PDB file of all heavy atoms in Angstrom:
ATOM      1  N   THR A   1      -3.722  -3.457   5.006  1.00  0.00           N
ATOM      2  CA  THR A   1      -2.993  -2.943   6.171  1.00  0.00           C
ATOM      3  C   THR A   1      -2.381  -4.086   6.973  1.00  0.00           C
ATOM      4  O   THR A   1      -1.383  -3.888   7.680  1.00  0.00           O
ATOM      5  CB  THR A   1      -3.922  -2.113   7.067  1.00  0.00           C
ATOM      6  OG1 THR A   1      -5.052  -2.919   7.465  1.00  0.00           O
ATOM      7  CG2 THR A   1      -4.426  -0.878   6.332  1.00  0.00           C
ATOM      8  N   TYR A   2      -2.942  -5.281   6.865  1.00  0.00           N
ATOM      9  CA  TYR A   2      -2.359  -6.464   7.507  1.00  0.00           C
ATOM     10  C   TYR A   2      -0.927  -6.668   7.027  1.00  0.00           C
ATOM     11  O   TYR A   2      -0.012  -6.916   7.822  1.00  0.00           O
ATOM     12  CB  TYR A   2      -3.213  -7.681   7.189  1.00  0.00           C
ATOM     13  CG  TYR A   2      -2.654  -8.993   7.693  1.00  0.00           C
ATOM     14  CD1 TYR A   2      -2.798  -9.378   9.026  1.00  0.00           C
ATOM     15  CD2 TYR A   2      -1.996  -9.861   6.829  1.00  0.00           C
ATOM     16  CE1 TYR A   2      -2.297 -10.583   9.486  1.00  0.00           C
ATOM     17  CE2 TYR A   2      -1.486 -11.071   7.279  1.00  0.00           C
ATOM     18  CZ  TYR A   2      -1.634 -11.426   8.608  1.00  0.00           C
ATOM     19  OH  TYR A   2      -1.121 -12.623   9.051  1.00  0.00           O
ATOM     20  N   PHE A   3      -0.723  -6.542   5.711  1.00  0.00           N
ATOM     21  CA  PHE A   3       0.623  -6.690   5.166  1.00  0.00           C
ATOM     22  C   PHE A   3       1.438  -5.414   5.339  1.00  0.00           C
ATOM     23  O   PHE A   3       2.666  -5.473   5.503  1.00  0.00           O
ATOM     24  CB  PHE A   3       0.574  -7.112   3.697  1.00  0.00           C
ATOM     25  CG  PHE A   3       0.455  -8.603   3.521  1.00  0.00           C
ATOM     26  CD1 PHE A   3      -0.781  -9.195   3.313  1.00  0.00           C
ATOM     27  CD2 PHE A   3       1.576  -9.416   3.581  1.00  0.00           C
ATOM     28  CE1 PHE A   3      -0.902 -10.569   3.178  1.00  0.00           C
ATOM     29  CE2 PHE A   3       1.473 -10.797   3.438  1.00  0.00           C
ATOM     30  CZ  PHE A   3       0.233 -11.369   3.243  1.00  0.00           C
ATOM     31  N   MET A   4       0.791  -4.236   5.308  1.00  0.00           N
ATOM     32  CA  MET A   4       1.530  -2.996   5.538  1.00  0.00           C
ATOM     33  C   MET A   4       2.240  -3.025   6.893  1.00  0.00           C
ATOM     34  O   MET A   4       3.388  -2.578   7.020  1.00  0.00           O
ATOM     35  CB  MET A   4       0.592  -1.785   5.472  1.00  0.00           C
ATOM     36  CG  MET A   4      -0.006  -1.501   4.108  1.00  0.00           C
ATOM     37  SD  MET A   4       1.211  -1.165   2.822  1.00  0.00           S
ATOM     38  CE  MET A   4       0.622  -2.284   1.538  1.00  0.00           C
ATOM     39  N   GLU A   5       1.574  -3.551   7.899  1.00  0.00           N
ATOM     40  CA  GLU A   5       2.195  -3.651   9.219  1.00  0.00           C
ATOM     41  C   GLU A   5       3.421  -4.558   9.163  1.00  0.00           C
ATOM     42  O   GLU A   5       4.428  -4.301   9.830  1.00  0.00           O
ATOM     43  CB  GLU A   5       1.188  -4.177  10.248  1.00  0.00           C
ATOM     44  CG  GLU A   5       0.036  -3.226  10.544  1.00  0.00           C
ATOM     45  CD  GLU A   5       0.463  -2.010  11.358  1.00  0.00           C
ATOM     46  OE1 GLU A   5       1.664  -1.820  11.609  1.00  0.00           O
ATOM     47  OE2 GLU A   5      -0.434  -1.234  11.753  1.00  0.00           O
ATOM     48  N   ARG A   6       3.354  -5.606   8.386  1.00  0.00           N
ATOM     49  CA  ARG A   6       4.504  -6.501   8.240  1.00  0.00           C
ATOM     50  C   ARG A   6       5.636  -5.823   7.477  1.00  0.00           C
ATOM     51  O   ARG A   6       6.805  -5.945   7.850  1.00  0.00           O
ATOM     52  CB  ARG A   6       4.076  -7.784   7.529  1.00  0.00           C
ATOM     53  CG  ARG A   6       3.138  -8.647   8.358  1.00  0.00           C
ATOM     54  CD  ARG A   6       2.900  -9.993   7.729  1.00  0.00           C
ATOM     55  NE  ARG A   6       2.201 -10.861   8.675  1.00  0.00           N
ATOM     56  CZ  ARG A   6       2.196 -12.183   8.603  1.00  0.00           C
ATOM     57  NH1 ARG A   6       2.872 -12.801   7.654  1.00  0.00           N
ATOM     58  NH2 ARG A   6       1.538 -12.898   9.497  1.00  0.00           N
ATOM     59  N   TYR A   7       5.279  -5.103   6.407  1.00  0.00           N
ATOM     60  CA  TYR A   7       6.307  -4.424   5.620  1.00  0.00           C
ATOM     61  C   TYR A   7       7.054  -3.389   6.463  1.00  0.00           C
ATOM     62  O   TYR A   7       8.261  -3.181   6.288  1.00  0.00           O
ATOM     63  CB  TYR A   7       5.692  -3.730   4.406  1.00  0.00           C
ATOM     64  CG  TYR A   7       4.933  -4.630   3.452  1.00  0.00           C
ATOM     65  CD1 TYR A   7       3.901  -4.121   2.660  1.00  0.00           C
ATOM     66  CD2 TYR A   7       5.228  -5.986   3.344  1.00  0.00           C
ATOM     67  CE1 TYR A   7       3.201  -4.927   1.781  1.00  0.00           C
ATOM     68  CE2 TYR A   7       4.524  -6.798   2.467  1.00  0.00           C
ATOM     69  CZ  TYR A   7       3.507  -6.270   1.689  1.00  0.00           C
ATOM     70  OH  TYR A   7       2.798  -7.065   0.824  1.00  0.00           O
ATOM     71  N   ARG A   8       6.349  -2.734   7.356  1.00  0.00           N
ATOM     72  CA  ARG A   8       6.969  -1.711   8.199  1.00  0.00           C
ATOM     73  C   ARG A   8       8.125  -2.271   9.037  1.00  0.00           C
ATOM     74  O   ARG A   8       9.024  -1.531   9.435  1.00  0.00           O
ATOM     75  CB  ARG A   8       5.934  -1.127   9.159  1.00  0.00           C
ATOM     76  CG  ARG A   8       5.078  -0.022   8.586  1.00  0.00           C
ATOM     77  CD  ARG A   8       4.059   0.434   9.611  1.00  0.00           C
ATOM     78  NE  ARG A   8       3.488   1.723   9.283  1.00  0.00           N
ATOM     79  CZ  ARG A   8       2.547   2.322   9.988  1.00  0.00           C
ATOM     80  NH1 ARG A   8       2.055   1.729  11.074  1.00  0.00           N
ATOM     81  NH2 ARG A   8       2.081   3.504   9.641  1.00  0.00           N
ATOM     82  N   ARG A   9       8.101  -3.557   9.307  1.00  0.00           N
ATOM     83  CA  ARG A   9       9.118  -4.165  10.168  1.00  0.00           C
ATOM     84  C   ARG A   9      10.473  -4.276   9.477  1.00  0.00           C
ATOM     85  O   ARG A   9      11.489  -4.481  10.140  1.00  0.00           O
ATOM     86  CB  ARG A   9       8.644  -5.545  10.630  1.00  0.00           C
ATOM     87  CG  ARG A   9       7.400  -5.475  11.513  1.00  0.00           C
ATOM     88  CD  ARG A   9       6.803  -6.842  11.746  1.00  0.00           C
ATOM     89  NE  ARG A   9       5.476  -6.728  12.368  1.00  0.00           N
ATOM     90  CZ  ARG A   9       4.594  -7.709  12.454  1.00  0.00           C
ATOM     91  NH1 ARG A   9       4.897  -8.909  11.951  1.00  0.00           N
ATOM     92  NH2 ARG A   9       3.416  -7.512  13.036  1.00  0.00           N
ATOM     93  N   PHE A  10      10.501  -4.156   8.148  1.00  0.00           N
ATOM     94  CA  PHE A  10      11.796  -4.257   7.454  1.00  0.00           C
ATOM     95  C   PHE A  10      12.004  -3.176   6.394  1.00  0.00           C
ATOM     96  O   PHE A  10      13.116  -2.976   5.924  1.00  0.00           O
ATOM     97  CB  PHE A  10      11.945  -5.643   6.807  1.00  0.00           C
ATOM     98  CG  PHE A  10      10.874  -5.980   5.799  1.00  0.00           C
ATOM     99  CD1 PHE A  10      10.953  -5.540   4.497  1.00  0.00           C
ATOM    100  CD2 PHE A  10       9.782  -6.769   6.168  1.00  0.00           C
ATOM    101  CE1 PHE A  10       9.978  -5.852   3.570  1.00  0.00           C
ATOM    102  CE2 PHE A  10       8.791  -7.092   5.246  1.00  0.00           C
ATOM    103  CZ  PHE A  10       8.895  -6.635   3.942  1.00  0.00           C
ATOM    104  N   LEU A  11      10.956  -2.467   6.005  1.00  0.00           N
ATOM    105  CA  LEU A  11      11.069  -1.418   4.999  1.00  0.00           C
ATOM    106  C   LEU A  11      11.567  -0.131   5.645  1.00  0.00           C
ATOM    107  O   LEU A  11      11.197   0.196   6.769  1.00  0.00           O
ATOM    108  CB  LEU A  11       9.703  -1.188   4.353  1.00  0.00           C
ATOM    109  CG  LEU A  11       9.628  -0.442   3.016  1.00  0.00           C
ATOM    110  CD1 LEU A  11      10.362  -1.213   1.935  1.00  0.00           C
ATOM    111  CD2 LEU A  11       8.165  -0.240   2.612  1.00  0.00           C
ATOM    112  N   THR A  12      12.424   0.607   4.948  1.00  0.00           N
ATOM    113  CA  THR A  12      12.897   1.879   5.471  1.00  0.00           C
ATOM    114  C   THR A  12      11.730   2.851   5.628  1.00  0.00           C
ATOM    115  O   THR A  12      10.695   2.706   4.979  1.00  0.00           O
ATOM    116  CB  THR A  12      13.943   2.511   4.531  1.00  0.00           C
ATOM    117  OG1 THR A  12      13.384   2.611   3.208  1.00  0.00           O
ATOM    118  CG2 THR A  12      15.207   1.660   4.480  1.00  0.00           C
ATOM    119  N   ASP A  13      11.877   3.838   6.485  1.00  0.00           N
ATOM    120  CA  ASP A  13      10.822   4.823   6.708  1.00  0.00           C
ATOM    121  C   ASP A  13      10.507   5.538   5.393  1.00  0.00           C
ATOM    122  O   ASP A  13      11.412   6.028   4.711  1.00  0.00           O
ATOM    123  CB  ASP A  13      11.270   5.825   7.771  1.00  0.00           C
ATOM    124  CG  ASP A  13      10.129   6.702   8.257  1.00  0.00           C
ATOM    125  OD1 ASP A  13       8.955   6.292   8.116  1.00  0.00           O
ATOM    126  OD2 ASP A  13      10.415   7.791   8.793  1.00  0.00           O
ATOM    127  N   ASN A  14       9.239   5.595   5.028  1.00  0.00           N
ATOM    128  CA  ASN A  14       8.792   6.158   3.752  1.00  0.00           C
ATOM    129  C   ASN A  14       9.316   5.360   2.560  1.00  0.00           C
ATOM    130  O   ASN A  14       9.486   5.896   1.471  1.00  0.00           O
ATOM    131  CB  ASN A  14       9.188   7.628   3.615  1.00  0.00           C
ATOM    132  CG  ASN A  14       8.243   8.543   4.370  1.00  0.00           C
ATOM    133  OD1 ASN A  14       7.041   8.557   4.113  1.00  0.00           O
ATOM    134  ND2 ASN A  14       8.777   9.277   5.333  1.00  0.00           N
ATOM    135  N   GLY A  15       9.554   4.067   2.789  1.00  0.00           N
ATOM    136  CA  GLY A  15       9.951   3.198   1.684  1.00  0.00           C
ATOM    137  C   GLY A  15       8.866   3.123   0.624  1.00  0.00           C
ATOM    138  O   GLY A  15       7.675   3.279   0.909  1.00  0.00           O
ATOM    139  N   THR A  16       9.261   2.881  -0.608  1.00  0.00           N
ATOM    140  CA  THR A  16       8.350   2.914  -1.748  1.00  0.00           C
ATOM    141  C   THR A  16       7.733   1.549  -2.018  1.00  0.00           C
ATOM    142  O   THR A  16       8.411   0.527  -1.969  1.00  0.00           O
ATOM    143  CB  THR A  16       9.090   3.387  -3.015  1.00  0.00           C
ATOM    144  OG1 THR A  16       9.596   4.708  -2.792  1.00  0.00           O
ATOM    145  CG2 THR A  16       8.169   3.405  -4.220  1.00  0.00           C
ATOM    146  N   ILE A  17       6.427   1.556  -2.310  1.00  0.00           N
ATOM    147  CA  ILE A  17       5.714   0.346  -2.715  1.00  0.00           C
ATOM    148  C   ILE A  17       5.102   0.600  -4.091  1.00  0.00           C
ATOM    149  O   ILE A  17       4.368   1.570  -4.296  1.00  0.00           O
ATOM    150  CB  ILE A  17       4.627  -0.028  -1.706  1.00  0.00           C
ATOM    151  CG1 ILE A  17       5.275  -0.332  -0.341  1.00  0.00           C
ATOM    152  CG2 ILE A  17       3.828  -1.238  -2.201  1.00  0.00           C
ATOM    153  CD1 ILE A  17       4.291  -0.669   0.758  1.00  0.00           C
ATOM    154  N   ASN A  18       5.437  -0.263  -5.051  1.00  0.00           N
ATOM    155  CA  ASN A  18       4.943  -0.167  -6.419  1.00  0.00           C
ATOM    156  C   ASN A  18       4.002  -1.324  -6.702  1.00  0.00           C
ATOM    157  O   ASN A  18       4.319  -2.478  -6.400  1.00  0.00           O
ATOM    158  CB  ASN A  18       6.105  -0.238  -7.418  1.00  0.00           C
ATOM    159  CG  ASN A  18       7.165   0.805  -7.149  1.00  0.00           C
ATOM    160  OD1 ASN A  18       6.986   1.981  -7.406  1.00  0.00           O
ATOM    161  ND2 ASN A  18       8.316   0.361  -6.632  1.00  0.00           N
ATOM    162  N   VAL A  19       2.865  -1.035  -7.305  1.00  0.00           N
ATOM    163  CA  VAL A  19       1.872  -2.065  -7.616  1.00  0.00           C
ATOM    164  C   VAL A  19       1.542  -2.005  -9.101  1.00  0.00           C
ATOM    165  O   VAL A  19       1.068  -0.993  -9.601  1.00  0.00           O
ATOM    166  CB  VAL A  19       0.573  -1.858  -6.797  1.00  0.00           C
ATOM    167  CG1 VAL A  19      -0.427  -2.966  -7.117  1.00  0.00           C
ATOM    168  CG2 VAL A  19       0.871  -1.806  -5.305  1.00  0.00           C
ATOM    169  N   LYS A  20       1.811  -3.094  -9.812  1.00  0.00           N
ATOM    170  CA  LYS A  20       1.349  -3.255 -11.197  1.00  0.00           C
ATOM    171  C   LYS A  20       0.303  -4.351 -11.188  1.00  0.00           C
ATOM    172  O   LYS A  20       0.541  -5.438 -10.659  1.00  0.00           O
ATOM    173  CB  LYS A  20       2.496  -3.648 -12.133  1.00  0.00           C
ATOM    174  CG  LYS A  20       3.375  -2.503 -12.577  1.00  0.00           C
ATOM    175  CD  LYS A  20       4.398  -2.968 -13.592  1.00  0.00           C
ATOM    176  CE  LYS A  20       3.829  -2.988 -15.002  1.00  0.00           C
ATOM    177  NZ  LYS A  20       4.857  -3.291 -16.037  1.00  0.00           N
ATOM    178  N   THR A  21      -0.849  -4.071 -11.785  1.00  0.00           N
ATOM    179  CA  THR A  21      -1.928  -5.054 -11.719  1.00  0.00           C
ATOM    180  C   THR A  21      -2.882  -4.912 -12.894  1.00  0.00           C
ATOM    181  O   THR A  21      -3.085  -3.819 -13.420  1.00  0.00           O
ATOM    182  CB  THR A  21      -2.705  -4.924 -10.393  1.00  0.00           C
ATOM    183  OG1 THR A  21      -3.737  -5.907 -10.344  1.00  0.00           O
ATOM    184  CG2 THR A  21      -3.330  -3.539 -10.241  1.00  0.00           C
ATOM    185  N   ASP A  22      -3.474  -6.015 -13.292  1.00  0.00           N
ATOM    186  CA  ASP A  22      -4.570  -5.999 -14.253  1.00  0.00           C
ATOM    187  C   ASP A  22      -5.893  -5.784 -13.537  1.00  0.00           C
ATOM    188  O   ASP A  22      -6.892  -5.433 -14.155  1.00  0.00           O
ATOM    189  CB  ASP A  22      -4.629  -7.332 -14.995  1.00  0.00           C
ATOM    190  CG  ASP A  22      -4.834  -8.489 -14.014  1.00  0.00           C
ATOM    191  OD1 ASP A  22      -3.879  -8.858 -13.311  1.00  0.00           O
ATOM    192  OD2 ASP A  22      -5.961  -9.001 -13.925  1.00  0.00           O
ATOM    193  N   SER A  23      -5.915  -5.987 -12.221  1.00  0.00           N
ATOM    194  CA  SER A  23      -7.156  -5.994 -11.442  1.00  0.00           C
ATOM    195  C   SER A  23      -7.613  -4.589 -11.067  1.00  0.00           C
ATOM    196  O   SER A  23      -6.953  -3.890 -10.304  1.00  0.00           O
ATOM    197  CB  SER A  23      -6.956  -6.820 -10.158  1.00  0.00           C
ATOM    198  OG  SER A  23      -8.048  -6.661  -9.288  1.00  0.00           O
ATOM    199  N   ASN A  24      -8.773  -4.213 -11.573  1.00  0.00           N
ATOM    200  CA  ASN A  24      -9.353  -2.928 -11.178  1.00  0.00           C
ATOM    201  C   ASN A  24      -9.713  -2.947  -9.699  1.00  0.00           C
ATOM    202  O   ASN A  24      -9.589  -1.936  -8.997  1.00  0.00           O
ATOM    203  CB  ASN A  24     -10.586  -2.621 -12.017  1.00  0.00           C
ATOM    204  CG  ASN A  24     -11.157  -1.251 -11.715  1.00  0.00           C
ATOM    205  OD1 ASN A  24     -10.532  -0.242 -11.986  1.00  0.00           O
ATOM    206  ND2 ASN A  24     -12.349  -1.210 -11.126  1.00  0.00           N
ATOM    207  N   PHE A  25     -10.141  -4.116  -9.199  1.00  0.00           N
ATOM    208  CA  PHE A  25     -10.479  -4.240  -7.783  1.00  0.00           C
ATOM    209  C   PHE A  25      -9.268  -3.935  -6.912  1.00  0.00           C
ATOM    210  O   PHE A  25      -9.346  -3.143  -5.963  1.00  0.00           O
ATOM    211  CB  PHE A  25     -10.996  -5.652  -7.483  1.00  0.00           C
ATOM    212  CG  PHE A  25     -11.358  -5.866  -6.036  1.00  0.00           C
ATOM    213  CD1 PHE A  25     -12.653  -5.659  -5.592  1.00  0.00           C
ATOM    214  CD2 PHE A  25     -10.399  -6.261  -5.113  1.00  0.00           C
ATOM    215  CE1 PHE A  25     -12.991  -5.846  -4.258  1.00  0.00           C
ATOM    216  CE2 PHE A  25     -10.717  -6.449  -3.773  1.00  0.00           C
ATOM    217  CZ  PHE A  25     -12.013  -6.238  -3.340  1.00  0.00           C
ATOM    218  N   LEU A  26      -8.118  -4.561  -7.212  1.00  0.00           N
ATOM    219  CA  LEU A  26      -6.925  -4.371  -6.382  1.00  0.00           C
ATOM    220  C   LEU A  26      -6.405  -2.944  -6.466  1.00  0.00           C
ATOM    221  O   LEU A  26      -6.023  -2.349  -5.454  1.00  0.00           O
ATOM    222  CB  LEU A  26      -5.832  -5.355  -6.798  1.00  0.00           C
ATOM    223  CG  LEU A  26      -4.562  -5.299  -5.942  1.00  0.00           C
ATOM    224  CD1 LEU A  26      -4.865  -5.631  -4.483  1.00  0.00           C
ATOM    225  CD2 LEU A  26      -3.500  -6.240  -6.507  1.00  0.00           C
ATOM    226  N   ALA A  27      -6.402  -2.369  -7.663  1.00  0.00           N
ATOM    227  CA  ALA A  27      -5.930  -0.991  -7.817  1.00  0.00           C
ATOM    228  C   ALA A  27      -6.827  -0.022  -7.057  1.00  0.00           C
ATOM    229  O   ALA A  27      -6.347   0.886  -6.372  1.00  0.00           O
ATOM    230  CB  ALA A  27      -5.878  -0.618  -9.294  1.00  0.00           C
ATOM    231  N   THR A  28      -8.132  -0.213  -7.173  1.00  0.00           N
ATOM    232  CA  THR A  28      -9.079   0.670  -6.493  1.00  0.00           C
ATOM    233  C   THR A  28      -8.976   0.517  -4.985  1.00  0.00           C
ATOM    234  O   THR A  28      -8.928   1.510  -4.239  1.00  0.00           O
ATOM    235  CB  THR A  28     -10.514   0.368  -6.948  1.00  0.00           C
ATOM    236  OG1 THR A  28     -10.602   0.494  -8.367  1.00  0.00           O
ATOM    237  CG2 THR A  28     -11.501   1.318  -6.296  1.00  0.00           C
ATOM    238  N   TYR A  29      -8.931  -0.723  -4.519  1.00  0.00           N
ATOM    239  CA  TYR A  29      -8.778  -0.968  -3.084  1.00  0.00           C
ATOM    240  C   TYR A  29      -7.498  -0.313  -2.551  1.00  0.00           C
ATOM    241  O   TYR A  29      -7.503   0.331  -1.497  1.00  0.00           O
ATOM    242  CB  TYR A  29      -8.738  -2.467  -2.791  1.00  0.00           C
ATOM    243  CG  TYR A  29      -8.195  -2.768  -1.417  1.00  0.00           C
ATOM    244  CD1 TYR A  29      -9.003  -2.693  -0.294  1.00  0.00           C
ATOM    245  CD2 TYR A  29      -6.835  -3.061  -1.242  1.00  0.00           C
ATOM    246  CE1 TYR A  29      -8.487  -2.919   0.976  1.00  0.00           C
ATOM    247  CE2 TYR A  29      -6.315  -3.289   0.019  1.00  0.00           C
ATOM    248  CZ  TYR A  29      -7.142  -3.210   1.123  1.00  0.00           C
ATOM    249  OH  TYR A  29      -6.624  -3.424   2.371  1.00  0.00           O
ATOM    250  N   THR A  30      -6.399  -0.477  -3.285  1.00  0.00           N
ATOM    251  CA  THR A  30      -5.114   0.079  -2.845  1.00  0.00           C
ATOM    252  C   THR A  30      -5.187   1.593  -2.733  1.00  0.00           C
ATOM    253  O   THR A  30      -4.685   2.192  -1.770  1.00  0.00           O
ATOM    254  CB  THR A  30      -3.994  -0.336  -3.816  1.00  0.00           C
ATOM    255  OG1 THR A  30      -3.929  -1.768  -3.877  1.00  0.00           O
ATOM    256  CG2 THR A  30      -2.653   0.218  -3.362  1.00  0.00           C
ATOM    257  N   LYS A  31      -5.830   2.230  -3.695  1.00  0.00           N
ATOM    258  CA  LYS A  31      -5.977   3.687  -3.652  1.00  0.00           C
ATOM    259  C   LYS A  31      -6.794   4.114  -2.432  1.00  0.00           C
ATOM    260  O   LYS A  31      -6.437   5.070  -1.733  1.00  0.00           O
ATOM    261  CB  LYS A  31      -6.635   4.196  -4.924  1.00  0.00           C
ATOM    262  CG  LYS A  31      -6.723   5.717  -5.035  1.00  0.00           C
ATOM    263  CD  LYS A  31      -7.147   6.117  -6.436  1.00  0.00           C
ATOM    264  CE  LYS A  31      -7.158   7.630  -6.607  1.00  0.00           C
ATOM    265  NZ  LYS A  31      -8.305   8.273  -5.954  1.00  0.00           N
ATOM    266  N   TYR A  32      -7.889   3.404  -2.150  1.00  0.00           N
ATOM    267  CA  TYR A  32      -8.693   3.725  -0.971  1.00  0.00           C
ATOM    268  C   TYR A  32      -7.903   3.497   0.318  1.00  0.00           C
ATOM    269  O   TYR A  32      -8.011   4.274   1.280  1.00  0.00           O
ATOM    270  CB  TYR A  32      -9.967   2.885  -0.937  1.00  0.00           C
ATOM    271  CG  TYR A  32     -11.054   3.372  -1.867  1.00  0.00           C
ATOM    272  CD1 TYR A  32     -11.697   2.496  -2.739  1.00  0.00           C
ATOM    273  CD2 TYR A  32     -11.461   4.713  -1.859  1.00  0.00           C
ATOM    274  CE1 TYR A  32     -12.708   2.933  -3.587  1.00  0.00           C
ATOM    275  CE2 TYR A  32     -12.466   5.155  -2.701  1.00  0.00           C
ATOM    276  CZ  TYR A  32     -13.085   4.266  -3.564  1.00  0.00           C
ATOM    277  OH  TYR A  32     -14.085   4.707  -4.402  1.00  0.00           O
ATOM    278  N   MET A  33      -7.111   2.426   0.357  1.00  0.00           N
ATOM    279  CA  MET A  33      -6.302   2.151   1.537  1.00  0.00           C
ATOM    280  C   MET A  33      -5.289   3.261   1.770  1.00  0.00           C
ATOM    281  O   MET A  33      -5.086   3.732   2.897  1.00  0.00           O
ATOM    282  CB  MET A  33      -5.594   0.798   1.370  1.00  0.00           C
ATOM    283  CG  MET A  33      -4.834   0.301   2.608  1.00  0.00           C
ATOM    284  SD  MET A  33      -3.176   1.046   2.834  1.00  0.00           S
ATOM    285  CE  MET A  33      -2.336   0.489   1.339  1.00  0.00           C
ATOM    286  N   VAL A  34      -4.663   3.717   0.695  1.00  0.00           N
ATOM    287  CA  VAL A  34      -3.684   4.810   0.782  1.00  0.00           C
ATOM    288  C   VAL A  34      -4.357   6.088   1.278  1.00  0.00           C
ATOM    289  O   VAL A  34      -3.841   6.778   2.163  1.00  0.00           O
ATOM    290  CB  VAL A  34      -3.012   5.023  -0.592  1.00  0.00           C
ATOM    291  CG1 VAL A  34      -2.225   6.331  -0.615  1.00  0.00           C
ATOM    292  CG2 VAL A  34      -2.084   3.846  -0.920  1.00  0.00           C
ATOM    293  N   GLU A  35      -5.510   6.413   0.705  1.00  0.00           N
ATOM    294  CA  GLU A  35      -6.223   7.632   1.085  1.00  0.00           C
ATOM    295  C   GLU A  35      -6.715   7.564   2.528  1.00  0.00           C
ATOM    296  O   GLU A  35      -6.625   8.547   3.274  1.00  0.00           O
ATOM    297  CB  GLU A  35      -7.388   7.871   0.129  1.00  0.00           C
ATOM    298  CG  GLU A  35      -6.944   8.234  -1.285  1.00  0.00           C
ATOM    299  CD  GLU A  35      -8.114   8.327  -2.250  1.00  0.00           C
ATOM    300  OE1 GLU A  35      -9.224   7.854  -1.889  1.00  0.00           O
ATOM    301  OE2 GLU A  35      -7.912   8.833  -3.369  1.00  0.00           O
ATOM    302  N   LYS A  36      -7.257   6.419   2.923  1.00  0.00           N
ATOM    303  CA  LYS A  36      -7.770   6.248   4.283  1.00  0.00           C
ATOM    304  C   LYS A  36      -6.698   6.511   5.326  1.00  0.00           C
ATOM    305  O   LYS A  36      -6.952   7.111   6.381  1.00  0.00           O
ATOM    306  CB  LYS A  36      -8.307   4.826   4.435  1.00  0.00           C
ATOM    307  CG  LYS A  36      -8.705   4.415   5.855  1.00  0.00           C
ATOM    308  CD  LYS A  36      -9.998   5.040   6.306  1.00  0.00           C
ATOM    309  CE  LYS A  36     -10.446   4.519   7.641  1.00  0.00           C
ATOM    310  NZ  LYS A  36     -11.719   5.119   8.097  1.00  0.00           N
ATOM    311  N   ASN A  37      -5.462   6.082   5.023  1.00  0.00           N
ATOM    312  CA  ASN A  37      -4.363   6.192   5.984  1.00  0.00           C
ATOM    313  C   ASN A  37      -3.426   7.366   5.714  1.00  0.00           C
ATOM    314  O   ASN A  37      -2.384   7.488   6.354  1.00  0.00           O
ATOM    315  CB  ASN A  37      -3.590   4.878   6.005  1.00  0.00           C
ATOM    316  CG  ASN A  37      -4.433   3.735   6.543  1.00  0.00           C
ATOM    317  OD1 ASN A  37      -4.705   3.655   7.730  1.00  0.00           O
ATOM    318  ND2 ASN A  37      -4.883   2.842   5.647  1.00  0.00           N
ATOM    319  N   LYS A  38      -3.835   8.212   4.748  1.00  0.00           N
ATOM    320  CA  LYS A  38      -3.061   9.418   4.418  1.00  0.00           C
ATOM    321  C   LYS A  38      -1.605   9.092   4.115  1.00  0.00           C
ATOM    322  O   LYS A  38      -0.676   9.806   4.530  1.00  0.00           O
ATOM    323  CB  LYS A  38      -3.172  10.446   5.548  1.00  0.00           C
ATOM    324  CG  LYS A  38      -4.593  10.960   5.783  1.00  0.00           C
ATOM    325  CD  LYS A  38      -4.645  11.995   6.892  1.00  0.00           C
ATOM    326  CE  LYS A  38      -6.010  12.650   7.011  1.00  0.00           C
ATOM    327  NZ  LYS A  38      -7.120  11.682   7.215  1.00  0.00           N
ATOM    328  N   LEU A  39      -1.395   8.021   3.366  1.00  0.00           N
ATOM    329  CA  LEU A  39      -0.045   7.661   2.941  1.00  0.00           C
ATOM    330  C   LEU A  39       0.322   8.499   1.716  1.00  0.00           C
ATOM    331  O   LEU A  39      -0.550   8.822   0.898  1.00  0.00           O
ATOM    332  CB  LEU A  39       0.024   6.166   2.590  1.00  0.00           C
ATOM    333  CG  LEU A  39      -0.434   5.189   3.675  1.00  0.00           C
ATOM    334  CD1 LEU A  39      -0.299   3.755   3.161  1.00  0.00           C
ATOM    335  CD2 LEU A  39       0.361   5.379   4.957  1.00  0.00           C
ATOM    336  N   PRO A  40       1.575   8.870   1.560  1.00  0.00           N
ATOM    337  CA  PRO A  40       1.983   9.661   0.389  1.00  0.00           C
ATOM    338  C   PRO A  40       1.776   8.867  -0.908  1.00  0.00           C
ATOM    339  O   PRO A  40       2.359   7.798  -1.082  1.00  0.00           O
ATOM    340  CB  PRO A  40       3.470   9.931   0.638  1.00  0.00           C
ATOM    341  CG  PRO A  40       3.666   9.756   2.116  1.00  0.00           C
ATOM    342  CD  PRO A  40       2.702   8.671   2.506  1.00  0.00           C
TER     343      PRO A  40
END
């Protein structure tokens, strides 16, 4: 969310973020972050 706040300053409203990763940790964390904040 530290970076999400930064992205909001230049990303269009409901702008898309795509994540490709080998890391199960990063993918899992990202999913929890999305769910916690009710992001689409």
